[in-house]
Amino acid sequence: DFNDDGTVTITGDGQTITAMWSTTETASGVWVEFSGVNGANIQAITGSWLIVECDPDRLEMTKNTDTMVLEQTCN
């Protein structure tokens, strides 16, 4: 969950992590920065990610050679 106060709440694998997020727009596109991500198997998302695809229920972003996809399931 991306919260209005600049925090992001990450849940899964029996854990809940609160970290920080922010965005920046440059000539190359929109970047999402994640910081303060502390938890098992999740720290790799720390850093700046370039948004390469943005749909209502899906974000795809890249950092160097890594790709991260965030999807929302509506119930």
PDB file of N, CA and C in Angstrom:
ATOM      1  N   ASP A   1       0.841  -1.177   0.000  1.00  0.00           N
ATOM      2  CA  ASP A   1       0.000   0.000   0.000  1.00  0.00           C
ATOM      3  C   ASP A   1       0.888   1.243   0.000  1.00  0.00           C
ATOM      4  N   PHE A   2       0.687   2.121  -0.992  1.00  0.00           N
ATOM      5  CA  PHE A   2       1.395   3.403  -1.050  1.00  0.00           C
ATOM      6  C   PHE A   2       0.554   4.415  -0.285  1.00  0.00           C
ATOM      7  N   ASN A   3       1.067   4.902   0.836  1.00  0.00           N
ATOM      8  CA  ASN A   3       0.330   5.821   1.697  1.00  0.00           C
ATOM      9  C   ASN A   3       0.646   7.276   1.348  1.00  0.00           C
ATOM     10  N   ASP A   4      -0.328   8.163   1.599  1.00  0.00           N
ATOM     11  CA  ASP A   4      -0.184   9.586   1.287  1.00  0.00           C
ATOM     12  C   ASP A   4       0.952  10.267   2.049  1.00  0.00           C
ATOM     13  N   ASP A   5       1.372   9.700   3.185  1.00  0.00           N
ATOM     14  CA  ASP A   5       2.420  10.332   3.991  1.00  0.00           C
ATOM     15  C   ASP A   5       3.840   9.951   3.547  1.00  0.00           C
ATOM     16  N   GLY A   6       3.962   9.264   2.383  1.00  0.00           N
ATOM     17  CA  GLY A   6       5.278   8.899   1.877  1.00  0.00           C
ATOM     18  C   GLY A   6       5.787   7.563   2.374  1.00  0.00           C
ATOM     19  N   THR A   7       4.940   6.831   3.110  1.00  0.00           N
ATOM     20  CA  THR A   7       5.323   5.491   3.530  1.00  0.00           C
ATOM     21  C   THR A   7       4.668   4.472   2.605  1.00  0.00           C
ATOM     22  N   VAL A   8       5.274   3.313   2.551  1.00  0.00           N
ATOM     23  CA  VAL A   8       4.709   2.183   1.818  1.00  0.00           C
ATOM     24  C   VAL A   8       4.654   1.015   2.799  1.00  0.00           C
ATOM     25  N   THR A   9       3.518   0.325   2.814  1.00  0.00           N
ATOM     26  CA  THR A   9       3.351  -0.830   3.676  1.00  0.00           C
ATOM     27  C   THR A   9       3.396  -2.076   2.799  1.00  0.00           C
ATOM     28  N   ILE A  10       4.352  -2.950   3.088  1.00  0.00           N
ATOM     29  CA  ILE A  10       4.567  -4.162   2.307  1.00  0.00           C
ATOM     30  C   ILE A  10       4.184  -5.348   3.185  1.00  0.00           C
ATOM     31  N   THR A  11       3.260  -6.177   2.708  1.00  0.00           N
ATOM     32  CA  THR A  11       2.835  -7.337   3.476  1.00  0.00           C
ATOM     33  C   THR A  11       3.017  -8.601   2.643  1.00  0.00           C
ATOM     34  N   GLY A  12       3.360  -9.674   3.317  1.00  0.00           N
ATOM     35  CA  GLY A  12       3.520 -10.970   2.675  1.00  0.00           C
ATOM     36  C   GLY A  12       4.509 -11.826   3.419  1.00  0.00           C
ATOM     37  N   ASP A  13       4.440 -13.112   3.196  1.00  0.00           N
ATOM     38  CA  ASP A  13       5.326 -14.067   3.864  1.00  0.00           C
ATOM     39  C   ASP A  13       5.302 -13.916   5.374  1.00  0.00           C
ATOM     40  N   GLY A  14       4.134 -13.575   5.928  1.00  0.00           N
ATOM     41  CA  GLY A  14       3.992 -13.460   7.375  1.00  0.00           C
ATOM     42  C   GLY A  14       4.626 -12.232   7.991  1.00  0.00           C
ATOM     43  N   GLN A  15       4.976 -11.237   7.181  1.00  0.00           N
ATOM     44  CA  GLN A  15       5.599 -10.037   7.727  1.00  0.00           C
ATOM     45  C   GLN A  15       4.938  -8.779   7.167  1.00  0.00           C
ATOM     46  N   THR A  16       5.036  -7.703   7.919  1.00  0.00           N
ATOM     47  CA  THR A  16       4.588  -6.389   7.479  1.00  0.00           C
ATOM     48  C   THR A  16       5.747  -5.427   7.660  1.00  0.00           C
ATOM     49  N   ILE A  17       6.105  -4.736   6.581  1.00  0.00           N
ATOM     50  CA  ILE A  17       7.248  -3.819   6.582  1.00  0.00           C
ATOM     51  C   ILE A  17       6.754  -2.436   6.195  1.00  0.00           C
ATOM     52  N   THR A  18       7.191  -1.425   6.916  1.00  0.00           N
ATOM     53  CA  THR A  18       6.899  -0.043   6.555  1.00  0.00           C
ATOM     54  C   THR A  18       8.201   0.604   6.116  1.00  0.00           C
ATOM     55  N   ALA A  19       8.186   1.185   4.915  1.00  0.00           N
ATOM     56  CA  ALA A  19       9.364   1.845   4.346  1.00  0.00           C
ATOM     57  C   ALA A  19       8.922   3.192   3.779  1.00  0.00           C
ATOM     58  N   MET A  20       9.805   3.863   3.071  1.00  0.00           N
ATOM     59  CA  MET A  20       9.510   5.172   2.482  1.00  0.00           C
ATOM     60  C   MET A  20       9.500   5.064   0.959  1.00  0.00           C
ATOM     61  N   TRP A  21       8.700   5.925   0.315  1.00  0.00           N
ATOM     62  CA  TRP A  21       8.685   6.000  -1.143  1.00  0.00           C
ATOM     63  C   TRP A  21       8.530   7.459  -1.560  1.00  0.00           C
ATOM     64  N   SER A  22       9.049   7.767  -2.743  1.00  0.00           N
ATOM     65  CA  SER A  22       8.878   9.089  -3.337  1.00  0.00           C
ATOM     66  C   SER A  22       9.010   8.939  -4.849  1.00  0.00           C
ATOM     67  N   THR A  23       8.568   9.954  -5.579  1.00  0.00           N
ATOM     68  CA  THR A  23       8.677   9.920  -7.035  1.00  0.00           C
ATOM     69  C   THR A  23       9.411  11.161  -7.528  1.00  0.00           C
ATOM     70  N   THR A  24      10.049  11.007  -8.682  1.00  0.00           N
ATOM     71  CA  THR A  24      10.744  12.091  -9.358  1.00  0.00           C
ATOM     72  C   THR A  24      10.492  11.931 -10.844  1.00  0.00           C
ATOM     73  N   GLU A  25      10.272  13.045 -11.533  1.00  0.00           N
ATOM     74  CA  GLU A  25      10.112  12.999 -12.983  1.00  0.00           C
ATOM     75  C   GLU A  25      11.323  13.634 -13.634  1.00  0.00           C
ATOM     76  N   THR A  26      11.929  12.900 -14.575  1.00  0.00           N
ATOM     77  CA  THR A  26      13.088  13.393 -15.315  1.00  0.00           C
ATOM     78  C   THR A  26      12.806  13.250 -16.804  1.00  0.00           C
ATOM     79  N   ALA A  27      13.761  13.628 -17.629  1.00  0.00           N
ATOM     80  CA  ALA A  27      13.601  13.489 -19.077  1.00  0.00           C
ATOM     81  C   ALA A  27      13.438  12.028 -19.490  1.00  0.00           C
ATOM     82  N   SER A  28      13.972  11.098 -18.686  1.00  0.00           N
ATOM     83  CA  SER A  28      13.861   9.672 -19.018  1.00  0.00           C
ATOM     84  C   SER A  28      12.564   9.043 -18.530  1.00  0.00           C
ATOM     85  N   GLY A  29      11.793   9.752 -17.705  1.00  0.00           N
ATOM     86  CA  GLY A  29      10.508   9.230 -17.233  1.00  0.00           C
ATOM     87  C   GLY A  29      10.305   9.452 -15.746  1.00  0.00           C
ATOM     88  N   VAL A  30       9.369   8.701 -15.188  1.00  0.00           N
ATOM     89  CA  VAL A  30       9.044   8.800 -13.761  1.00  0.00           C
ATOM     90  C   VAL A  30       9.803   7.717 -13.002  1.00  0.00           C
ATOM     91  N   TRP A  31      10.448   8.126 -11.928  1.00  0.00           N
ATOM     92  CA  TRP A  31      11.226   7.237 -11.077  1.00  0.00           C
ATOM     93  C   TRP A  31      10.546   7.110  -9.721  1.00  0.00           C
ATOM     94  N   VAL A  32      10.532   5.901  -9.170  1.00  0.00           N
ATOM     95  CA  VAL A  32      10.048   5.649  -7.815  1.00  0.00           C
ATOM     96  C   VAL A  32      11.260   5.256  -6.982  1.00  0.00           C
ATOM     97  N   GLU A  33      11.454   5.927  -5.864  1.00  0.00           N
ATOM     98  CA  GLU A  33      12.565   5.650  -4.943  1.00  0.00           C
ATOM     99  C   GLU A  33      12.009   4.974  -3.694  1.00  0.00           C
ATOM    100  N   PHE A  34      12.549   3.801  -3.357  1.00  0.00           N
ATOM    101  CA  PHE A  34      12.201   3.101  -2.128  1.00  0.00           C
ATOM    102  C   PHE A  34      13.395   3.186  -1.188  1.00  0.00           C
ATOM    103  N   SER A  35      13.149   3.540   0.093  1.00  0.00           N
ATOM    104  CA  SER A  35      14.227   3.605   1.082  1.00  0.00           C
ATOM    105  C   SER A  35      13.732   3.054   2.414  1.00  0.00           C
ATOM    106  N   GLY A  36      14.663   2.641   3.240  1.00  0.00           N
ATOM    107  CA  GLY A  36      14.322   2.115   4.562  1.00  0.00           C
ATOM    108  C   GLY A  36      13.606   0.778   4.508  1.00  0.00           C
ATOM    109  N   VAL A  37      13.860   0.000   3.459  1.00  0.00           N
ATOM    110  CA  VAL A  37      13.216  -1.306   3.309  1.00  0.00           C
ATOM    111  C   VAL A  37      14.049  -2.325   4.072  1.00  0.00           C
ATOM    112  N   ASN A  38      13.531  -2.799   5.200  1.00  0.00           N
ATOM    113  CA  ASN A  38      14.252  -3.744   6.037  1.00  0.00           C
ATOM    114  C   ASN A  38      13.379  -4.961   6.303  1.00  0.00           C
ATOM    115  N   GLY A  39      13.800  -6.087   5.830  1.00  0.00           N
ATOM    116  CA  GLY A  39      13.071  -7.330   6.057  1.00  0.00           C
ATOM    117  C   GLY A  39      13.658  -8.423   5.193  1.00  0.00           C
ATOM    118  N   ALA A  40      13.379  -9.640   5.560  1.00  0.00           N
ATOM    119  CA  ALA A  40      13.908 -10.787   4.827  1.00  0.00           C
ATOM    120  C   ALA A  40      13.363 -10.812   3.398  1.00  0.00           C
ATOM    121  N   ASN A  41      14.251 -11.033   2.438  1.00  0.00           N
ATOM    122  CA  ASN A  41      13.896 -11.229   1.029  1.00  0.00           C
ATOM    123  C   ASN A  41      13.183 -10.038   0.383  1.00  0.00           C
ATOM    124  N   ILE A  42      13.361  -8.829   0.883  1.00  0.00           N
ATOM    125  CA  ILE A  42      12.674  -7.667   0.307  1.00  0.00           C
ATOM    126  C   ILE A  42      13.617  -6.484   0.097  1.00  0.00           C
ATOM    127  N   GLN A  43      14.793  -6.485   0.686  1.00  0.00           N
ATOM    128  CA  GLN A  43      15.696  -5.336   0.633  1.00  0.00           C
ATOM    129  C   GLN A  43      16.142  -4.994  -0.778  1.00  0.00           C
ATOM    130  N   ALA A  44      16.038  -5.932  -1.716  1.00  0.00           N
ATOM    131  CA  ALA A  44      16.476  -5.683  -3.090  1.00  0.00           C
ATOM    132  C   ALA A  44      15.661  -4.598  -3.784  1.00  0.00           C
ATOM    133  N   ILE A  45      14.489  -4.245  -3.233  1.00  0.00           N
ATOM    134  CA  ILE A  45      13.710  -3.185  -3.891  1.00  0.00           C
ATOM    135  C   ILE A  45      14.209  -1.796  -3.525  1.00  0.00           C
ATOM    136  N   THR A  46      15.125  -1.680  -2.566  1.00  0.00           N
ATOM    137  CA  THR A  46      15.681  -0.379  -2.196  1.00  0.00           C
ATOM    138  C   THR A  46      16.350   0.254  -3.414  1.00  0.00           C
ATOM    139  N   GLY A  47      16.104   1.541  -3.608  1.00  0.00           N
ATOM    140  CA  GLY A  47      16.742   2.262  -4.703  1.00  0.00           C
ATOM    141  C   GLY A  47      15.735   2.890  -5.642  1.00  0.00           C
ATOM    142  N   SER A  48      16.228   3.351  -6.781  1.00  0.00           N
ATOM    143  CA  SER A  48      15.410   4.073  -7.766  1.00  0.00           C
ATOM    144  C   SER A  48      15.000   3.144  -8.900  1.00  0.00           C
ATOM    145  N   TRP A  49      13.710   3.157  -9.218  1.00  0.00           N
ATOM    146  CA  TRP A  49      13.122   2.314 -10.250  1.00  0.00           C
ATOM    147  C   TRP A  49      12.437   3.197 -11.283  1.00  0.00           C
ATOM    148  N   LEU A  50      12.690   2.943 -12.557  1.00  0.00           N
ATOM    149  CA  LEU A  50      12.061   3.674 -13.649  1.00  0.00           C
ATOM    150  C   LEU A  50      10.760   2.980 -14.044  1.00  0.00           C
ATOM    151  N   ILE A  51       9.652   3.722 -14.059  1.00  0.00           N
ATOM    152  CA  ILE A  51       8.368   3.170 -14.484  1.00  0.00           C
ATOM    153  C   ILE A  51       8.415   2.984 -15.998  1.00  0.00           C
ATOM    154  N   VAL A  52       8.204   1.738 -16.463  1.00  0.00           N
ATOM    155  CA  VAL A  52       8.218   1.463 -17.895  1.00  0.00           C
ATOM    156  C   VAL A  52       6.831   1.107 -18.422  1.00  0.00           C
ATOM    157  N   GLU A  53       5.907   0.757 -17.519  1.00  0.00           N
ATOM    158  CA  GLU A  53       4.529   0.484 -17.909  1.00  0.00           C
ATOM    159  C   GLU A  53       3.627   0.820 -16.746  1.00  0.00           C
ATOM    160  N   CYS A  54       2.531   1.518 -17.039  1.00  0.00           N
ATOM    161  CA  CYS A  54       1.608   1.939 -15.992  1.00  0.00           C
ATOM    162  C   CYS A  54       0.180   1.693 -16.463  1.00  0.00           C
ATOM    163  N   ASP A  55      -0.463   0.718 -15.878  1.00  0.00           N
ATOM    164  CA  ASP A  55      -1.866   0.410 -16.134  1.00  0.00           C
ATOM    165  C   ASP A  55      -2.627   0.570 -14.824  1.00  0.00           C
ATOM    166  N   PRO A  56      -3.956   0.653 -14.858  1.00  0.00           N
ATOM    167  CA  PRO A  56      -4.717   0.864 -13.618  1.00  0.00           C
ATOM    168  C   PRO A  56      -4.423  -0.154 -12.508  1.00  0.00           C
ATOM    169  N   ASP A  57      -4.157  -1.402 -12.852  1.00  0.00           N
ATOM    170  CA  ASP A  57      -3.928  -2.427 -11.845  1.00  0.00           C
ATOM    171  C   ASP A  57      -2.525  -3.033 -11.897  1.00  0.00           C
ATOM    172  N   ARG A  58      -1.598  -2.371 -12.641  1.00  0.00           N
ATOM    173  CA  ARG A  58      -0.265  -2.961 -12.813  1.00  0.00           C
ATOM    174  C   ARG A  58       0.779  -1.873 -13.065  1.00  0.00           C
ATOM    175  N   LEU A  59       1.892  -1.954 -12.340  1.00  0.00           N
ATOM    176  CA  LEU A  59       3.056  -1.100 -12.574  1.00  0.00           C
ATOM    177  C   LEU A  59       4.244  -1.989 -12.890  1.00  0.00           C
ATOM    178  N   GLU A  60       4.956  -1.670 -13.954  1.00  0.00           N
ATOM    179  CA  GLU A  60       6.201  -2.379 -14.251  1.00  0.00           C
ATOM    180  C   GLU A  60       7.320  -1.360 -14.212  1.00  0.00           C
ATOM    181  N   MET A  61       8.395  -1.699 -13.481  1.00  0.00           N
ATOM    182  CA  MET A  61       9.511  -0.778 -13.347  1.00  0.00           C
ATOM    183  C   MET A  61      10.819  -1.538 -13.424  1.00  0.00           C
ATOM    184  N   THR A  62      11.885  -0.815 -13.805  1.00  0.00           N
ATOM    185  CA  THR A  62      13.193  -1.436 -13.936  1.00  0.00           C
ATOM    186  C   THR A  62      14.243  -0.670 -13.140  1.00  0.00           C
ATOM    187  N   LYS A  63      15.256  -1.413 -12.699  1.00  0.00           N
ATOM    188  CA  LYS A  63      16.440  -0.849 -12.027  1.00  0.00           C
ATOM    189  C   LYS A  63      17.616  -1.659 -12.535  1.00  0.00           C
ATOM    190  N   ASN A  64      18.469  -1.023 -13.334  1.00  0.00           N
ATOM    191  CA  ASN A  64      19.579  -1.725 -13.983  1.00  0.00           C
ATOM    192  C   ASN A  64      19.003  -2.870 -14.811  1.00  0.00           C
ATOM    193  N   THR A  65      19.358  -4.112 -14.504  1.00  0.00           N
ATOM    194  CA  THR A  65      18.832  -5.254 -15.270  1.00  0.00           C
ATOM    195  C   THR A  65      17.668  -5.949 -14.566  1.00  0.00           C
ATOM    196  N   ASP A  66      17.220  -5.412 -13.434  1.00  0.00           N
ATOM    197  CA  ASP A  66      16.111  -6.004 -12.679  1.00  0.00           C
ATOM    198  C   ASP A  66      14.778  -5.417 -13.126  1.00  0.00           C
ATOM    199  N   THR A  67      13.738  -6.236 -13.086  1.00  0.00           N
ATOM    200  CA  THR A  67      12.376  -5.802 -13.377  1.00  0.00           C
ATOM    201  C   THR A  67      11.497  -6.153 -12.183  1.00  0.00           C
ATOM    202  N   MET A  68      10.642  -5.203 -11.782  1.00  0.00           N
ATOM    203  CA  MET A  68       9.690  -5.439 -10.705  1.00  0.00           C
ATOM    204  C   MET A  68       8.297  -5.110 -11.230  1.00  0.00           C
ATOM    205  N   VAL A  69       7.347  -5.995 -10.955  1.00  0.00           N
ATOM    206  CA  VAL A  69       5.963  -5.789 -11.361  1.00  0.00           C
ATOM    207  C   VAL A  69       5.100  -5.776 -10.110  1.00  0.00           C
ATOM    208  N   LEU A  70       4.311  -4.711  -9.954  1.00  0.00           N
ATOM    209  CA  LEU A  70       3.342  -4.613  -8.854  1.00  0.00           C
ATOM    210  C   LEU A  70       1.955  -4.721  -9.452  1.00  0.00           C
ATOM    211  N   GLU A  71       1.168  -5.672  -8.956  1.00  0.00           N
ATOM    212  CA  GLU A  71      -0.186  -5.856  -9.452  1.00  0.00           C
ATOM    213  C   GLU A  71      -1.170  -5.736  -8.313  1.00  0.00           C
ATOM    214  N   GLN A  72      -2.337  -5.208  -8.620  1.00  0.00           N
ATOM    215  CA  GLN A  72      -3.404  -5.051  -7.647  1.00  0.00           C
ATOM    216  C   GLN A  72      -4.532  -5.990  -8.009  1.00  0.00           C
ATOM    217  N   THR A  73      -4.977  -6.758  -7.042  1.00  0.00           N
ATOM    218  CA  THR A  73      -6.121  -7.630  -7.241  1.00  0.00           C
ATOM    219  C   THR A  73      -7.320  -6.994  -6.561  1.00  0.00           C
ATOM    220  N   CYS A  74      -8.374  -6.779  -7.322  1.00  0.00           N
ATOM    221  CA  CYS A  74      -9.594  -6.189  -6.771  1.00  0.00           C
ATOM    222  C   CYS A  74     -10.556  -7.310  -6.399  1.00  0.00           C
ATOM    223  N   ASN A  75     -11.037  -7.279  -5.174  1.00  0.00           N
ATOM    224  CA  ASN A  75     -11.999  -8.287  -4.717  1.00  0.00           C
ATOM    225  C   ASN A  75     -13.380  -7.691  -4.588  1.00  0.00           C
TER     226      ASN A  75
END
